[in-house]
Amino acid sequence: MYYLKTSASFDSAHFLAGYDGKCSNIHGHHWVIEVKINGQSLQKSGEKKGMLVDFSDFKKTVRKLADSFDHALIYEKNSLKPETIQALESENFKLIQVSFRPTAENLAYHFYIRLSLEDFEVCSVTVYETPDNCAVYEGF
C-alpha cells in the first residue's frame, strides 16, 4: 500500500452553541488539516508514471478546501438568530453555515467526505485546533 500525506491551514472562528463552557463564545483557531490518501498501485505510464497521484493536484485540492474556510465564521445552522446573520452579512463578514456543530471531530469528517468526492482514496483527515490538540477521522 502506498500513502501520501499533505497539509494546509486556515484561520477561522467558530462557537459551540449549547455548550456549557468558554467554547460557547465566538473564538478563533489556526486550523491545520492533514490529509492522508492511499492506493495499491502506482501509475504505470505517462508523465505520472511511478506516482500514486500527482502531488501537485493533491496539494492544490487540499489547499483550495482550506482556503474556502479561511477568515470566516463557521456556525451551525439555526444557532444564530436570522437578524444576527443579516447584520453580519450586511457588514460583509464571511460566514460559513454547516449542518453540524463545528467541532474539530465534525470538521475532520466533513473534510474527509469532501475530499473523497474529489476522487482521492482518503485514509484519514486530521484537524488540529491547536498545535497540541487534534481530531482524526479514518475511513473504513
Protein backbone atom coordinates (compact mmCIF):
# COMPACT_ATOMS: atom_id res chain seq x y z
CA MET A 1 0.00 0.00 0.00
CA TYR A 2 1.24 3.47 -0.88
CA TYR A 3 0.41 6.56 1.15
CA LEU A 4 0.71 10.28 0.52
CA LYS A 5 0.12 12.97 3.10
CA THR A 6 -0.17 16.73 2.82
CA SER A 7 -1.47 19.55 4.97
CA ALA A 8 -2.89 23.03 4.68
CA SER A 9 -4.01 25.60 7.22
CA PHE A 10 -6.57 28.32 7.65
CA ASP A 11 -7.66 30.81 10.29
CA SER A 12 -11.31 30.99 11.22
CA ALA A 13 -13.70 31.43 14.11
CA HIS A 14 -16.46 29.23 15.45
CA PHE A 15 -18.50 28.66 18.58
CA LEU A 16 -20.32 25.70 20.07
CA ALA A 17 -23.97 26.60 20.57
CA GLY A 18 -25.46 24.94 23.62
CA TYR A 19 -22.07 24.10 25.12
CA ASP A 20 -21.58 24.89 28.82
CA GLY A 21 -18.10 26.38 28.73
CA LYS A 22 -15.96 29.07 27.18
CA CYS A 23 -16.17 27.48 23.71
CA SER A 24 -19.79 28.63 23.57
CA ASN A 25 -18.41 32.09 22.81
CA ILE A 26 -17.03 33.03 19.38
CA HIS A 27 -13.31 32.31 19.26
CA GLY A 28 -10.70 31.62 16.61
CA HIS A 29 -8.18 28.96 15.73
CA HIS A 30 -5.29 28.46 13.37
CA TRP A 31 -6.66 25.20 11.99
CA VAL A 32 -4.40 22.67 10.27
CA ILE A 33 -5.86 19.98 8.03
CA GLU A 34 -3.65 16.93 7.47
CA VAL A 35 -4.86 14.53 4.79
CA LYS A 36 -3.58 11.02 4.14
CA ILE A 37 -4.51 9.15 0.95
CA ASN A 38 -3.63 5.67 -0.21
CA GLY A 39 -3.57 3.33 -3.16
CA GLN A 40 -2.47 -0.17 -4.07
CA SER A 41 -0.55 0.70 -7.22
CA LEU A 42 1.34 3.49 -8.92
CA GLN A 43 0.67 4.96 -12.35
CA LYS A 44 2.27 2.69 -14.94
CA SER A 45 2.79 5.10 -17.83
CA GLY A 46 2.71 8.70 -18.95
CA GLU A 47 4.02 11.75 -17.14
CA LYS A 48 2.67 10.46 -13.81
CA LYS A 49 4.49 7.11 -14.13
CA GLY A 50 5.67 5.96 -10.70
CA MET A 51 3.25 8.24 -8.83
CA LEU A 52 0.21 7.37 -6.76
CA VAL A 53 -1.29 10.73 -7.76
CA ASP A 54 0.34 13.96 -8.78
CA PHE A 55 1.38 15.65 -5.51
CA SER A 56 0.63 18.99 -7.14
CA ASP A 57 -3.01 18.03 -7.77
CA PHE A 58 -3.36 16.60 -4.26
CA LYS A 59 -1.86 19.68 -2.57
CA LYS A 60 -3.93 22.10 -4.68
CA THR A 61 -7.17 20.32 -3.78
CA VAL A 62 -6.43 20.34 -0.05
CA ARG A 63 -5.25 23.98 -0.21
CA LYS A 64 -8.42 25.02 -2.08
CA LEU A 65 -10.57 23.39 0.60
CA ALA A 66 -8.63 25.10 3.41
CA ASP A 67 -8.79 28.45 1.60
CA SER A 68 -12.56 28.18 1.32
CA PHE A 69 -12.76 28.24 5.16
CA ASP A 70 -10.11 30.92 5.70
CA HIS A 71 -11.04 34.03 7.70
CA ALA A 72 -14.66 33.01 8.14
CA LEU A 73 -17.10 32.43 10.96
CA ILE A 74 -18.16 28.78 10.85
CA TYR A 75 -21.53 28.30 12.51
CA GLU A 76 -24.12 25.58 12.85
CA LYS A 77 -27.43 26.07 11.07
CA ASN A 78 -30.07 27.56 13.39
CA SER A 79 -27.52 28.53 16.05
CA LEU A 80 -27.70 32.25 15.23
CA LYS A 81 -30.77 34.45 15.01
CA PRO A 82 -31.69 35.43 11.43
CA GLU A 83 -31.22 39.09 12.32
CA THR A 84 -27.69 38.34 13.58
CA ILE A 85 -26.81 36.63 10.30
CA GLN A 86 -28.35 39.52 8.36
CA ALA A 87 -26.34 42.07 10.36
CA LEU A 88 -23.08 40.16 9.84
CA GLU A 89 -23.77 39.74 6.12
CA SER A 90 -24.56 43.46 5.80
CA GLU A 91 -21.06 44.13 7.17
CA ASN A 92 -19.61 41.75 4.53
CA PHE A 93 -18.37 39.19 7.04
CA LYS A 94 -17.58 35.79 5.56
CA LEU A 95 -19.98 33.25 7.07
CA ILE A 96 -19.98 29.50 6.54
CA GLN A 97 -23.10 27.73 7.68
CA VAL A 98 -22.74 23.99 8.29
CA SER A 99 -25.37 21.40 9.18
CA PHE A 100 -23.37 20.14 12.16
CA ARG A 101 -21.80 21.51 15.33
CA PRO A 102 -18.42 22.84 14.11
CA THR A 103 -16.17 20.75 16.33
CA ALA A 104 -12.78 19.51 15.17
CA GLU A 105 -14.26 16.00 15.04
CA ASN A 106 -17.11 17.02 12.76
CA LEU A 107 -14.83 19.14 10.58
CA ALA A 108 -12.49 16.16 10.13
CA TYR A 109 -15.42 14.06 8.91
CA HIS A 110 -16.72 16.89 6.70
CA PHE A 111 -13.32 17.35 5.04
CA TYR A 112 -12.98 13.58 4.63
CA ILE A 113 -16.27 13.44 2.71
CA ARG A 114 -15.47 16.50 0.59
CA LEU A 115 -12.04 15.16 -0.40
CA SER A 116 -13.42 11.67 -1.10
CA LEU A 117 -15.76 13.30 -3.63
CA GLU A 118 -12.65 14.61 -5.40
CA ASP A 119 -11.70 11.00 -6.33
CA PHE A 120 -8.96 10.60 -3.76
CA GLU A 121 -8.74 7.37 -1.75
CA VAL A 122 -8.76 9.19 1.57
CA CYS A 123 -7.48 7.17 4.57
CA SER A 124 -7.74 9.85 7.20
CA VAL A 125 -8.18 13.53 7.86
CA THR A 126 -6.68 15.11 10.95
CA VAL A 127 -7.86 18.55 12.05
CA TYR A 128 -5.71 20.45 14.54
CA GLU A 129 -7.42 23.18 16.58
CA THR A 130 -4.15 23.91 18.34
CA PRO A 131 -0.64 22.54 17.83
CA ASP A 132 -1.28 20.01 20.62
CA ASN A 133 -4.93 19.07 20.06
CA CYS A 134 -6.44 17.36 17.06
CA ALA A 135 -9.30 15.16 15.92
CA VAL A 136 -8.91 12.36 13.39
CA TYR A 137 -11.47 10.74 11.12
CA GLU A 138 -10.41 7.50 9.45
CA GLY A 139 -12.46 5.86 6.73
CA PHE A 140 -13.16 2.17 6.58
